[in-house]
PDB file of N, CA and C in Angstrom:
ATOM      1  N   MET A   1     129.099 135.454 173.477  1.00  0.00           N
ATOM      2  CA  MET A   1     129.552 137.041 172.685  1.00  0.00           C
ATOM      3  C   MET A   1     128.644 136.270 171.210  1.00  0.00           C
ATOM      4  N   ARG A   2     128.299 137.344 170.769  1.00  0.00           N
ATOM      5  CA  ARG A   2     128.142 137.050 169.226  1.00  0.00           C
ATOM      6  C   ARG A   2     128.771 138.268 168.182  1.00  0.00           C
ATOM      7  N   ILE A   3     129.587 137.444 166.945  1.00  0.00           N
ATOM      8  CA  ILE A   3     129.860 138.205 166.206  1.00  0.00           C
ATOM      9  C   ILE A   3     128.966 138.596 165.266  1.00  0.00           C
ATOM     10  N   LEU A   4     128.842 139.471 163.668  1.00  0.00           N
ATOM     11  CA  LEU A   4     128.048 139.824 163.023  1.00  0.00           C
ATOM     12  C   LEU A   4     128.927 140.486 162.290  1.00  0.00           C
ATOM     13  N   ILE A   5     128.041 139.984 160.592  1.00  0.00           N
ATOM     14  CA  ILE A   5     128.855 140.383 159.922  1.00  0.00           C
ATOM     15  C   ILE A   5     127.429 140.861 158.910  1.00  0.00           C
ATOM     16  N   ASN A   6     127.276 141.976 158.554  1.00  0.00           N
ATOM     17  CA  ASN A   6     125.837 142.401 157.830  1.00  0.00           C
ATOM     18  C   ASN A   6     126.066 143.345 156.744  1.00  0.00           C
ATOM     19  N   GLU A   7     125.471 142.470 155.808  1.00  0.00           N
ATOM     20  CA  GLU A   7     125.472 142.845 154.398  1.00  0.00           C
ATOM     21  C   GLU A   7     126.983 142.798 153.489  1.00  0.00           C
ATOM     22  N   LEU A   8     127.504 141.688 153.762  1.00  0.00           N
ATOM     23  CA  LEU A   8     128.935 141.676 153.398  1.00  0.00           C
ATOM     24  C   LEU A   8     128.585 141.100 151.486  1.00  0.00           C
ATOM     25  N   ARG A   9     128.660 141.929 150.441  1.00  0.00           N
ATOM     26  CA  ARG A   9     128.737 141.676 149.046  1.00  0.00           C
ATOM     27  C   ARG A   9     129.537 140.779 148.445  1.00  0.00           C
ATOM     28  N   VAL A  10     129.190 140.162 147.902  1.00  0.00           N
ATOM     29  CA  VAL A  10     130.627 138.941 147.411  1.00  0.00           C
ATOM     30  C   VAL A  10     130.153 138.955 145.783  1.00  0.00           C
ATOM     31  N   MET A  11     130.964 138.346 145.167  1.00  0.00           N
ATOM     32  CA  MET A  11     130.835 138.072 143.654  1.00  0.00           C
ATOM     33  C   MET A  11     130.673 136.445 143.537  1.00  0.00           C
ATOM     34  N   ALA A  12     129.706 135.241 143.208  1.00  0.00           N
ATOM     35  CA  ALA A  12     129.854 134.189 143.235  1.00  0.00           C
ATOM     36  C   ALA A  12     128.693 133.521 141.653  1.00  0.00           C
ATOM     37  N   ARG A  13     129.980 132.548 141.248  1.00  0.00           N
ATOM     38  CA  ARG A  13     129.375 131.781 140.127  1.00  0.00           C
ATOM     39  C   ARG A  13     127.933 130.467 140.579  1.00  0.00           C
ATOM     40  N   ILE A  14     126.943 131.288 141.137  1.00  0.00           N
ATOM     41  CA  ILE A  14     125.794 130.341 140.931  1.00  0.00           C
ATOM     42  C   ILE A  14     124.508 130.480 140.094  1.00  0.00           C
ATOM     43  N   GLY A  15     123.320 129.293 140.403  1.00  0.00           N
ATOM     44  CA  GLY A  15     122.211 129.493 139.985  1.00  0.00           C
ATOM     45  C   GLY A  15     122.537 128.098 138.799  1.00  0.00           C
ATOM     46  N   VAL A  16     121.015 128.070 138.437  1.00  0.00           N
ATOM     47  CA  VAL A  16     120.695 126.605 137.994  1.00  0.00           C
ATOM     48  C   VAL A  16     120.641 127.007 136.508  1.00  0.00           C
ATOM     49  N   TYR A  17     120.032 128.460 135.768  1.00  0.00           N
ATOM     50  CA  TYR A  17     119.577 128.409 134.875  1.00  0.00           C
ATOM     51  C   TYR A  17     121.064 128.971 133.687  1.00  0.00           C
ATOM     52  N   GLN A  18     120.907 128.412 132.757  1.00  0.00           N
ATOM     53  CA  GLN A  18     122.131 129.011 132.018  1.00  0.00           C
ATOM     54  C   GLN A  18     122.521 130.286 132.071  1.00  0.00           C
ATOM     55  N   HIS A  19     121.817 131.005 131.859  1.00  0.00           N
ATOM     56  CA  HIS A  19     122.419 132.502 131.663  1.00  0.00           C
ATOM     57  C   HIS A  19     122.857 132.779 133.282  1.00  0.00           C
ATOM     58  N   GLU A  20     122.603 132.179 134.262  1.00  0.00           N
ATOM     59  CA  GLU A  20     123.325 132.155 135.546  1.00  0.00           C
ATOM     60  C   GLU A  20     124.736 131.671 135.617  1.00  0.00           C
ATOM     61  N   LYS A  21     124.930 130.697 134.395  1.00  0.00           N
ATOM     62  CA  LYS A  21     126.029 130.195 134.453  1.00  0.00           C
ATOM     63  C   LYS A  21     127.404 130.818 133.616  1.00  0.00           C
ATOM     64  N   LEU A  22     126.654 131.890 133.056  1.00  0.00           N
ATOM     65  CA  LEU A  22     127.609 132.505 131.952  1.00  0.00           C
ATOM     66  C   LEU A  22     128.782 133.851 133.074  1.00  0.00           C
ATOM     67  N   ASN A  23     127.871 134.178 134.025  1.00  0.00           N
ATOM     68  CA  ASN A  23     128.641 135.632 134.783  1.00  0.00           C
ATOM     69  C   ASN A  23     128.382 135.192 136.249  1.00  0.00           C
ATOM     70  N   PRO A  24     129.446 135.303 137.323  1.00  0.00           N
ATOM     71  CA  PRO A  24     129.233 135.631 138.680  1.00  0.00           C
ATOM     72  C   PRO A  24     128.282 136.742 138.451  1.00  0.00           C
ATOM     73  N   GLN A  25     127.264 136.516 139.665  1.00  0.00           N
ATOM     74  CA  GLN A  25     126.624 136.967 140.270  1.00  0.00           C
ATOM     75  C   GLN A  25     126.627 137.915 141.420  1.00  0.00           C
ATOM     76  N   GLU A  26     126.459 139.109 141.727  1.00  0.00           N
ATOM     77  CA  GLU A  26     126.242 139.335 143.533  1.00  0.00           C
ATOM     78  C   GLU A  26     125.415 138.915 144.371  1.00  0.00           C
ATOM     79  N   LEU A  27     125.807 138.331 145.927  1.00  0.00           N
ATOM     80  CA  LEU A  27     125.303 137.680 146.816  1.00  0.00           C
ATOM     81  C   LEU A  27     125.552 138.858 148.050  1.00  0.00           C
ATOM     82  N   ILE A  28     124.478 138.820 148.458  1.00  0.00           N
ATOM     83  CA  ILE A  28     124.495 139.682 150.015  1.00  0.00           C
ATOM     84  C   ILE A  28     124.410 138.567 151.034  1.00  0.00           C
ATOM     85  N   ILE A  29     125.369 138.398 151.953  1.00  0.00           N
ATOM     86  CA  ILE A  29     125.530 137.964 153.002  1.00  0.00           C
ATOM     87  C   ILE A  29     125.580 138.540 154.490  1.00  0.00           C
ATOM     88  N   ASN A  30     124.279 137.867 155.542  1.00  0.00           N
ATOM     89  CA  ASN A  30     124.534 138.411 156.470  1.00  0.00           C
ATOM     90  C   ASN A  30     125.081 136.965 157.478  1.00  0.00           C
ATOM     91  N   PHE A  31     125.486 137.256 158.544  1.00  0.00           N
ATOM     92  CA  PHE A  31     125.866 136.391 159.024  1.00  0.00           C
ATOM     93  C   PHE A  31     126.390 136.613 160.921  1.00  0.00           C
ATOM     94  N   SER A  32     125.673 135.854 161.282  1.00  0.00           N
ATOM     95  CA  SER A  32     125.994 136.031 163.253  1.00  0.00           C
ATOM     96  C   SER A  32     126.297 134.636 163.440  1.00  0.00           C
ATOM     97  N   ALA A  33     127.281 134.674 164.479  1.00  0.00           N
ATOM     98  CA  ALA A  33     127.907 133.586 165.186  1.00  0.00           C
ATOM     99  C   ALA A  33     127.657 134.103 166.491  1.00  0.00           C
ATOM    100  N   ASP A  34     127.517 132.635 167.545  1.00  0.00           N
ATOM    101  CA  ASP A  34     127.862 132.682 168.680  1.00  0.00           C
ATOM    102  C   ASP A  34     129.160 131.950 169.046  1.00  0.00           C
ATOM    103  N   VAL A  35     129.884 132.469 169.756  1.00  0.00           N
ATOM    104  CA  VAL A  35     131.182 132.349 169.753  1.00  0.00           C
ATOM    105  C   VAL A  35     131.367 132.204 171.844  1.00  0.00           C
ATOM    106  N   THR A  36     132.558 131.206 171.654  1.00  0.00           N
ATOM    107  CA  THR A  36     133.086 131.077 173.599  1.00  0.00           C
ATOM    108  C   THR A  36     133.801 132.455 173.532  1.00  0.00           C
ATOM    109  N   GLU A  37     133.853 132.456 174.670  1.00  0.00           N
ATOM    110  CA  GLU A  37     134.985 133.852 175.225  1.00  0.00           C
ATOM    111  C   GLU A  37     136.186 133.341 175.526  1.00  0.00           C
ATOM    112  N   PRO A  38     136.973 133.025 175.182  1.00  0.00           N
ATOM    113  CA  PRO A  38     138.304 132.946 175.735  1.00  0.00           C
ATOM    114  C   PRO A  38     138.558 133.281 177.261  1.00  0.00           C
ATOM    115  N   ASP A  39     139.346 132.286 177.995  1.00  0.00           N
ATOM    116  CA  ASP A  39     140.112 132.411 178.984  1.00  0.00           C
ATOM    117  C   ASP A  39     141.009 133.455 178.789  1.00  0.00           C
ATOM    118  N   GLY A  40     140.882 134.458 179.607  1.00  0.00           N
ATOM    119  CA  GLY A  40     142.005 135.790 179.971  1.00  0.00           C
ATOM    120  C   GLY A  40     141.579 136.645 178.486  1.00  0.00           C
ATOM    121  N   TRP A  41     140.516 136.845 178.638  1.00  0.00           N
ATOM    122  CA  TRP A  41     140.133 137.591 177.436  1.00  0.00           C
ATOM    123  C   TRP A  41     140.253 139.020 178.046  1.00  0.00           C
ATOM    124  N   GLN A  42     140.743 139.670 178.867  1.00  0.00           N
ATOM    125  CA  GLN A  42     141.026 140.856 179.539  1.00  0.00           C
ATOM    126  C   GLN A  42     142.442 141.559 178.813  1.00  0.00           C
ATOM    127  N   LYS A  43     142.920 140.079 178.137  1.00  0.00           N
ATOM    128  CA  LYS A  43     144.296 140.746 177.873  1.00  0.00           C
ATOM    129  C   LYS A  43     144.195 141.386 176.654  1.00  0.00           C
ATOM    130  N   ASP A  44     142.927 141.557 176.034  1.00  0.00           N
ATOM    131  CA  ASP A  44     142.442 141.939 174.717  1.00  0.00           C
ATOM    132  C   ASP A  44     143.547 141.814 173.171  1.00  0.00           C
ATOM    133  N   ASP A  45     143.454 140.256 173.247  1.00  0.00           N
ATOM    134  CA  ASP A  45     144.457 139.610 172.417  1.00  0.00           C
ATOM    135  C   ASP A  45     143.454 138.903 171.283  1.00  0.00           C
ATOM    136  N   LEU A  46     143.537 140.018 170.339  1.00  0.00           N
ATOM    137  CA  LEU A  46     143.147 139.354 169.134  1.00  0.00           C
ATOM    138  C   LEU A  46     142.760 137.811 168.289  1.00  0.00           C
ATOM    139  N   SER A  47     144.128 137.496 168.954  1.00  0.00           N
ATOM    140  CA  SER A  47     144.096 135.948 168.453  1.00  0.00           C
ATOM    141  C   SER A  47     143.472 134.967 169.391  1.00  0.00           C
ATOM    142  N   GLN A  48     143.323 135.542 170.135  1.00  0.00           N
ATOM    143  CA  GLN A  48     141.861 134.407 171.605  1.00  0.00           C
ATOM    144  C   GLN A  48     140.688 134.405 170.821  1.00  0.00           C
ATOM    145  N   TRP A  49     140.542 135.048 169.909  1.00  0.00           N
ATOM    146  CA  TRP A  49     138.919 135.731 169.714  1.00  0.00           C
ATOM    147  C   TRP A  49     138.465 135.028 168.189  1.00  0.00           C
ATOM    148  N   VAL A  50     137.343 134.509 167.544  1.00  0.00           N
ATOM    149  CA  VAL A  50     136.497 134.413 166.375  1.00  0.00           C
ATOM    150  C   VAL A  50     136.881 135.549 165.970  1.00  0.00           C
ATOM    151  N   CYS A  51     137.722 136.167 164.870  1.00  0.00           N
ATOM    152  CA  CYS A  51     137.965 137.333 164.211  1.00  0.00           C
ATOM    153  C   CYS A  51     136.742 137.438 163.242  1.00  0.00           C
ATOM    154  N   TYR A  52     136.379 138.463 162.749  1.00  0.00           N
ATOM    155  CA  TYR A  52     134.995 138.688 162.156  1.00  0.00           C
ATOM    156  C   TYR A  52     135.633 139.450 160.331  1.00  0.00           C
ATOM    157  N   GLU A  53     136.513 139.632 160.588  1.00  0.00           N
ATOM    158  CA  GLU A  53     137.225 139.986 159.325  1.00  0.00           C
ATOM    159  C   GLU A  53     137.797 138.660 158.588  1.00  0.00           C
ATOM    160  N   THR A  54     138.660 137.775 159.696  1.00  0.00           N
ATOM    161  CA  THR A  54     139.060 136.706 159.059  1.00  0.00           C
ATOM    162  C   THR A  54     137.752 135.556 158.527  1.00  0.00           C
ATOM    163  N   VAL A  55     136.503 135.906 158.984  1.00  0.00           N
ATOM    164  CA  VAL A  55     135.462 134.777 158.466  1.00  0.00           C
ATOM    165  C   VAL A  55     134.937 135.697 157.622  1.00  0.00           C
ATOM    166  N   ALA A  56     134.682 136.913 157.599  1.00  0.00           N
ATOM    167  CA  ALA A  56     134.149 137.788 156.083  1.00  0.00           C
ATOM    168  C   ALA A  56     135.258 137.005 154.945  1.00  0.00           C
ATOM    169  N   ARG A  57     136.869 137.085 155.123  1.00  0.00           N
ATOM    170  CA  ARG A  57     137.270 136.666 154.005  1.00  0.00           C
ATOM    171  C   ARG A  57     136.959 134.817 153.538  1.00  0.00           C
ATOM    172  N   GLN A  58     137.041 133.985 154.320  1.00  0.00           N
ATOM    173  CA  GLN A  58     136.873 132.386 154.457  1.00  0.00           C
ATOM    174  C   GLN A  58     135.479 132.579 153.348  1.00  0.00           C
ATOM    175  N   ILE A  59     134.133 133.501 154.093  1.00  0.00           N
ATOM    176  CA  ILE A  59     133.063 133.563 153.154  1.00  0.00           C
ATOM    177  C   ILE A  59     133.079 133.880 151.816  1.00  0.00           C
ATOM    178  N   THR A  60     134.001 134.873 151.749  1.00  0.00           N
ATOM    179  CA  THR A  60     134.175 135.435 150.224  1.00  0.00           C
ATOM    180  C   THR A  60     134.825 134.583 149.424  1.00  0.00           C
ATOM    181  N   GLU A  61     135.923 133.764 149.796  1.00  0.00           N
ATOM    182  CA  GLU A  61     136.531 133.197 148.833  1.00  0.00           C
ATOM    183  C   GLU A  61     135.819 131.405 148.945  1.00  0.00           C
ATOM    184  N   MET A  62     135.193 131.167 149.931  1.00  0.00           N
ATOM    185  CA  MET A  62     133.960 130.558 149.644  1.00  0.00           C
ATOM    186  C   MET A  62     133.238 130.439 148.340  1.00  0.00           C
ATOM    187  N   CYS A  63     132.581 131.440 148.112  1.00  0.00           N
ATOM    188  CA  CYS A  63     131.501 132.123 147.155  1.00  0.00           C
ATOM    189  C   CYS A  63     132.528 132.505 146.011  1.00  0.00           C
ATOM    190  N   SER A  64     133.499 132.506 145.829  1.00  0.00           N
ATOM    191  CA  SER A  64     134.331 132.695 144.172  1.00  0.00           C
ATOM    192  C   SER A  64     134.873 131.259 144.098  1.00  0.00           C
ATOM    193  N   GLY A  65     134.806 130.367 144.261  1.00  0.00           N
ATOM    194  CA  GLY A  65     135.160 129.556 144.185  1.00  0.00           C
ATOM    195  C   GLY A  65     134.403 128.544 142.741  1.00  0.00           C
ATOM    196  N   GLU A  66     134.268 127.292 142.847  1.00  0.00           N
ATOM    197  CA  GLU A  66     133.320 126.632 141.605  1.00  0.00           C
ATOM    198  C   GLU A  66     132.266 127.030 141.626  1.00  0.00           C
ATOM    199  N   HIS A  67     131.622 126.822 140.504  1.00  0.00           N
ATOM    200  CA  HIS A  67     129.756 127.331 140.015  1.00  0.00           C
ATOM    201  C   HIS A  67     129.788 126.245 141.071  1.00  0.00           C
ATOM    202  N   ILE A  68     128.323 126.559 141.599  1.00  0.00           N
ATOM    203  CA  ILE A  68     127.288 125.979 142.610  1.00  0.00           C
ATOM    204  C   ILE A  68     125.931 126.329 142.139  1.00  0.00           C
ATOM    205  N   GLU A  69     125.489 125.559 141.824  1.00  0.00           N
ATOM    206  CA  GLU A  69     123.795 125.638 142.028  1.00  0.00           C
ATOM    207  C   GLU A  69     122.733 126.622 142.288  1.00  0.00           C
ATOM    208  N   LEU A  70     122.697 125.500 144.012  1.00  0.00           N
ATOM    209  CA  LEU A  70     122.018 126.187 144.423  1.00  0.00           C
ATOM    210  C   LEU A  70     121.974 127.386 146.031  1.00  0.00           C
ATOM    211  N   LEU A  71     121.400 128.000 146.211  1.00  0.00           N
ATOM    212  CA  LEU A  71     122.458 128.866 147.974  1.00  0.00           C
ATOM    213  C   LEU A  71     121.691 128.032 148.705  1.00  0.00           C
ATOM    214  N   GLU A  72     121.330 127.227 148.483  1.00  0.00           N
ATOM    215  CA  GLU A  72     121.171 126.170 149.879  1.00  0.00           C
ATOM    216  C   GLU A  72     122.186 125.127 150.416  1.00  0.00           C
ATOM    217  N   THR A  73     123.031 124.698 148.603  1.00  0.00           N
ATOM    218  CA  THR A  73     124.289 124.269 149.016  1.00  0.00           C
ATOM    219  C   THR A  73     125.738 124.708 149.190  1.00  0.00           C
ATOM    220  N   MET A  74     125.344 126.267 149.226  1.00  0.00           N
ATOM    221  CA  MET A  74     126.439 127.040 149.386  1.00  0.00           C
ATOM    222  C   MET A  74     126.697 127.518 150.797  1.00  0.00           C
ATOM    223  N   ALA A  75     125.095 127.485 151.419  1.00  0.00           N
ATOM    224  CA  ALA A  75     124.567 128.389 152.877  1.00  0.00           C
ATOM    225  C   ALA A  75     125.412 127.043 153.807  1.00  0.00           C
ATOM    226  N   ILE A  76     125.427 125.340 152.826  1.00  0.00           N
ATOM    227  CA  ILE A  76     125.456 124.845 153.591  1.00  0.00           C
ATOM    228  C   ILE A  76     127.422 124.099 154.012  1.00  0.00           C
ATOM    229  N   HIS A  77     127.772 124.571 152.476  1.00  0.00           N
ATOM    230  CA  HIS A  77     129.318 124.502 152.658  1.00  0.00           C
ATOM    231  C   HIS A  77     129.722 125.231 153.533  1.00  0.00           C
ATOM    232  N   ILE A  78     129.296 126.824 153.282  1.00  0.00           N
ATOM    233  CA  ILE A  78     129.708 127.697 154.328  1.00  0.00           C
ATOM    234  C   ILE A  78     129.881 127.428 155.633  1.00  0.00           C
ATOM    235  N   ALA A  79     128.744 127.084 156.211  1.00  0.00           N
ATOM    236  CA  ALA A  79     128.611 126.351 157.476  1.00  0.00           C
ATOM    237  C   ALA A  79     129.057 125.248 157.887  1.00  0.00           C
ATOM    238  N   GLU A  80     129.486 124.466 157.196  1.00  0.00           N
ATOM    239  CA  GLU A  80     130.562 123.226 157.345  1.00  0.00           C
ATOM    240  C   GLU A  80     132.319 123.442 157.452  1.00  0.00           C
ATOM    241  N   LYS A  81     132.252 124.733 156.854  1.00  0.00           N
ATOM    242  CA  LYS A  81     133.483 125.291 156.769  1.00  0.00           C
ATOM    243  C   LYS A  81     133.807 125.714 158.269  1.00  0.00           C
ATOM    244  N   LEU A  82     133.246 126.918 158.380  1.00  0.00           N
ATOM    245  CA  LEU A  82     132.767 127.734 159.644  1.00  0.00           C
ATOM    246  C   LEU A  82     132.594 127.306 160.881  1.00  0.00           C
ATOM    247  N   MET A  83     132.098 125.883 160.751  1.00  0.00           N
ATOM    248  CA  MET A  83     132.155 125.492 162.126  1.00  0.00           C
ATOM    249  C   MET A  83     133.276 124.710 162.461  1.00  0.00           C
ATOM    250  N   GLN A  84     134.328 124.306 161.998  1.00  0.00           N
ATOM    251  CA  GLN A  84     135.118 123.692 162.130  1.00  0.00           C
ATOM    252  C   GLN A  84     136.376 124.737 163.292  1.00  0.00           C
ATOM    253  N   ASP A  85     136.064 125.518 163.159  1.00  0.00           N
ATOM    254  CA  ASP A  85     136.489 126.450 164.460  1.00  0.00           C
ATOM    255  C   ASP A  85     135.895 126.233 165.430  1.00  0.00           C
ATOM    256  N   LYS A  86     135.946 125.342 166.649  1.00  0.00           N
ATOM    257  CA  LYS A  86     135.343 124.733 167.751  1.00  0.00           C
ATOM    258  C   LYS A  86     134.982 125.886 168.665  1.00  0.00           C
ATOM    259  N   ARG A  87     135.484 127.505 168.393  1.00  0.00           N
ATOM    260  CA  ARG A  87     134.982 128.188 169.124  1.00  0.00           C
ATOM    261  C   ARG A  87     133.915 128.864 168.479  1.00  0.00           C
ATOM    262  N   ILE A  88     133.383 128.523 167.962  1.00  0.00           N
ATOM    263  CA  ILE A  88     131.707 128.727 167.322  1.00  0.00           C
ATOM    264  C   ILE A  88     130.761 127.670 167.313  1.00  0.00           C
ATOM    265  N   LEU A  89     130.002 128.064 168.146  1.00  0.00           N
ATOM    266  CA  LEU A  89     129.023 127.582 168.566  1.00  0.00           C
ATOM    267  C   LEU A  89     127.747 127.567 168.261  1.00  0.00           C
ATOM    268  N   LYS A  90     127.355 128.523 167.365  1.00  0.00           N
ATOM    269  CA  LYS A  90     125.763 128.640 166.444  1.00  0.00           C
ATOM    270  C   LYS A  90     125.978 129.627 165.260  1.00  0.00           C
ATOM    271  N   ILE A  91     125.515 129.287 164.140  1.00  0.00           N
ATOM    272  CA  ILE A  91     125.688 130.013 162.881  1.00  0.00           C
ATOM    273  C   ILE A  91     124.269 130.446 162.094  1.00  0.00           C
ATOM    274  N   HIS A  92     124.374 131.431 162.178  1.00  0.00           N
ATOM    275  CA  HIS A  92     122.877 132.014 161.763  1.00  0.00           C
ATOM    276  C   HIS A  92     123.169 132.447 160.553  1.00  0.00           C
ATOM    277  N   LEU A  93     122.912 132.124 159.358  1.00  0.00           N
ATOM    278  CA  LEU A  93     123.484 132.785 157.541  1.00  0.00           C
ATOM    279  C   LEU A  93     122.225 133.006 156.985  1.00  0.00           C
ATOM    280  N   ARG A  94     122.671 134.058 156.179  1.00  0.00           N
ATOM    281  CA  ARG A  94     121.543 134.633 155.151  1.00  0.00           C
ATOM    282  C   ARG A  94     122.238 134.866 154.127  1.00  0.00           C
ATOM    283  N   ILE A  95     121.966 134.352 152.630  1.00  0.00           N
ATOM    284  CA  ILE A  95     122.330 134.627 151.590  1.00  0.00           C
ATOM    285  C   ILE A  95     121.128 134.700 150.372  1.00  0.00           C
ATOM    286  N   GLU A  96     121.392 135.914 150.106  1.00  0.00           N
ATOM    287  CA  GLU A  96     120.287 136.414 148.924  1.00  0.00           C
ATOM    288  C   GLU A  96     120.989 136.774 147.859  1.00  0.00           C
ATOM    289  N   LYS A  97     120.057 136.938 146.975  1.00  0.00           N
ATOM    290  CA  LYS A  97     120.406 137.113 145.599  1.00  0.00           C
ATOM    291  C   LYS A  97     119.548 138.371 144.868  1.00  0.00           C
ATOM    292  N   PRO A  98     119.885 139.599 145.043  1.00  0.00           N
ATOM    293  CA  PRO A  98     119.291 140.366 144.741  1.00  0.00           C
ATOM    294  C   PRO A  98     118.556 140.749 143.402  1.00  0.00           C
ATOM    295  N   ARG A  99     118.740 140.116 142.508  1.00  0.00           N
ATOM    296  CA  ARG A  99     118.277 139.905 141.059  1.00  0.00           C
ATOM    297  C   ARG A  99     117.688 138.807 140.770  1.00  0.00           C
ATOM    298  N   ALA A 100     117.285 138.090 142.023  1.00  0.00           N
ATOM    299  CA  ALA A 100     116.546 136.492 141.492  1.00  0.00           C
ATOM    300  C   ALA A 100     115.443 136.404 140.759  1.00  0.00           C
ATOM    301  N   ILE A 101     114.302 137.384 141.624  1.00  0.00           N
ATOM    302  CA  ILE A 101     113.092 137.672 141.182  1.00  0.00           C
ATOM    303  C   ILE A 101     112.635 138.965 141.095  1.00  0.00           C
ATOM    304  N   GLU A 102     112.329 138.963 139.220  1.00  0.00           N
ATOM    305  CA  GLU A 102     111.599 140.750 139.034  1.00  0.00           C
ATOM    306  C   GLU A 102     110.902 140.990 140.256  1.00  0.00           C
ATOM    307  N   ASN A 103     110.646 142.332 140.331  1.00  0.00           N
ATOM    308  CA  ASN A 103     109.839 143.100 141.413  1.00  0.00           C
ATOM    309  C   ASN A 103     109.860 143.014 142.569  1.00  0.00           C
ATOM    310  N   SER A 104     111.389 141.833 143.111  1.00  0.00           N
ATOM    311  CA  SER A 104     111.343 142.047 144.583  1.00  0.00           C
ATOM    312  C   SER A 104     112.854 142.488 145.128  1.00  0.00           C
ATOM    313  N   LYS A 105     112.813 142.464 145.861  1.00  0.00           N
ATOM    314  CA  LYS A 105     114.222 143.329 145.818  1.00  0.00           C
ATOM    315  C   LYS A 105     115.318 141.874 146.415  1.00  0.00           C
ATOM    316  N   SER A 106     114.853 140.872 146.938  1.00  0.00           N
ATOM    317  CA  SER A 106     115.966 140.025 146.727  1.00  0.00           C
ATOM    318  C   SER A 106     114.905 138.814 147.155  1.00  0.00           C
ATOM    319  N   ALA A 107     115.502 137.145 146.956  1.00  0.00           N
ATOM    320  CA  ALA A 107     115.729 136.046 147.549  1.00  0.00           C
ATOM    321  C   ALA A 107     116.578 135.251 147.483  1.00  0.00           C
ATOM    322  N   GLY A 108     116.172 134.365 148.869  1.00  0.00           N
ATOM    323  CA  GLY A 108     117.545 133.831 149.568  1.00  0.00           C
ATOM    324  C   GLY A 108     117.025 132.592 150.778  1.00  0.00           C
ATOM    325  N   VAL A 109     117.842 132.219 151.128  1.00  0.00           N
ATOM    326  CA  VAL A 109     118.050 131.244 151.903  1.00  0.00           C
ATOM    327  C   VAL A 109     118.631 131.587 153.138  1.00  0.00           C
ATOM    328  N   GLU A 110     118.615 130.978 154.574  1.00  0.00           N
ATOM    329  CA  GLU A 110     118.962 131.343 155.797  1.00  0.00           C
ATOM    330  C   GLU A 110     119.016 129.695 156.217  1.00  0.00           C
ATOM    331  N   LEU A 111     119.912 129.874 156.979  1.00  0.00           N
ATOM    332  CA  LEU A 111     120.297 128.472 157.847  1.00  0.00           C
ATOM    333  C   LEU A 111     121.182 128.953 158.968  1.00  0.00           C
ATOM    334  N   ILE A 112     120.199 128.010 160.255  1.00  0.00           N
ATOM    335  CA  ILE A 112     120.745 127.921 161.233  1.00  0.00           C
ATOM    336  C   ILE A 112     121.419 126.579 161.799  1.00  0.00           C
ATOM    337  N   ARG A 113     122.869 126.444 162.024  1.00  0.00           N
ATOM    338  CA  ARG A 113     123.470 125.272 162.215  1.00  0.00           C
ATOM    339  C   ARG A 113     124.268 125.755 164.044  1.00  0.00           C
ATOM    340  N   ASN A 114     123.846 124.867 164.586  1.00  0.00           N
ATOM    341  CA  ASN A 114     124.449 124.566 165.979  1.00  0.00           C
ATOM    342  C   ASN A 114     125.879 123.452 166.492  1.00  0.00           C
ATOM    343  N   ALA A 115     126.632 123.686 166.957  1.00  0.00           N
ATOM    344  CA  ALA A 115     127.626 123.216 167.067  1.00  0.00           C
ATOM    345  C   ALA A 115     127.202 121.817 167.565  1.00  0.00           C
ATOM    346  N   LEU A 116     127.661 120.509 167.070  1.00  0.00           N
ATOM    347  CA  LEU A 116     127.664 119.256 167.708  1.00  0.00           C
ATOM    348  C   LEU A 116     127.924 119.038 169.248  1.00  0.00           C
TER     349      LEU A 116
END
């Protein structure tokens, strides 16, 4: 099974330049995770599954924390936190800064992480 979160918009204190350190910036996050299917999944019990709403909340909270200079660092922090849930087998995370480069839609990073 794969869960998806598309174009989650969050505000984050991110960037290496002085003007980026003054105010939070909008980020656009796309996330997918391969997850295990629990035994007895027919019970239709949300507590048995990785909940995309919970994941979105965790990502939002991590982005709203302390200032981070690099998107790469933020992506690794998010992946490490989410991979603590042993039901998550693989993560594909894309973080974009919509206003990072003039005349472009966005710039960003992608990270793919497999469970150990």
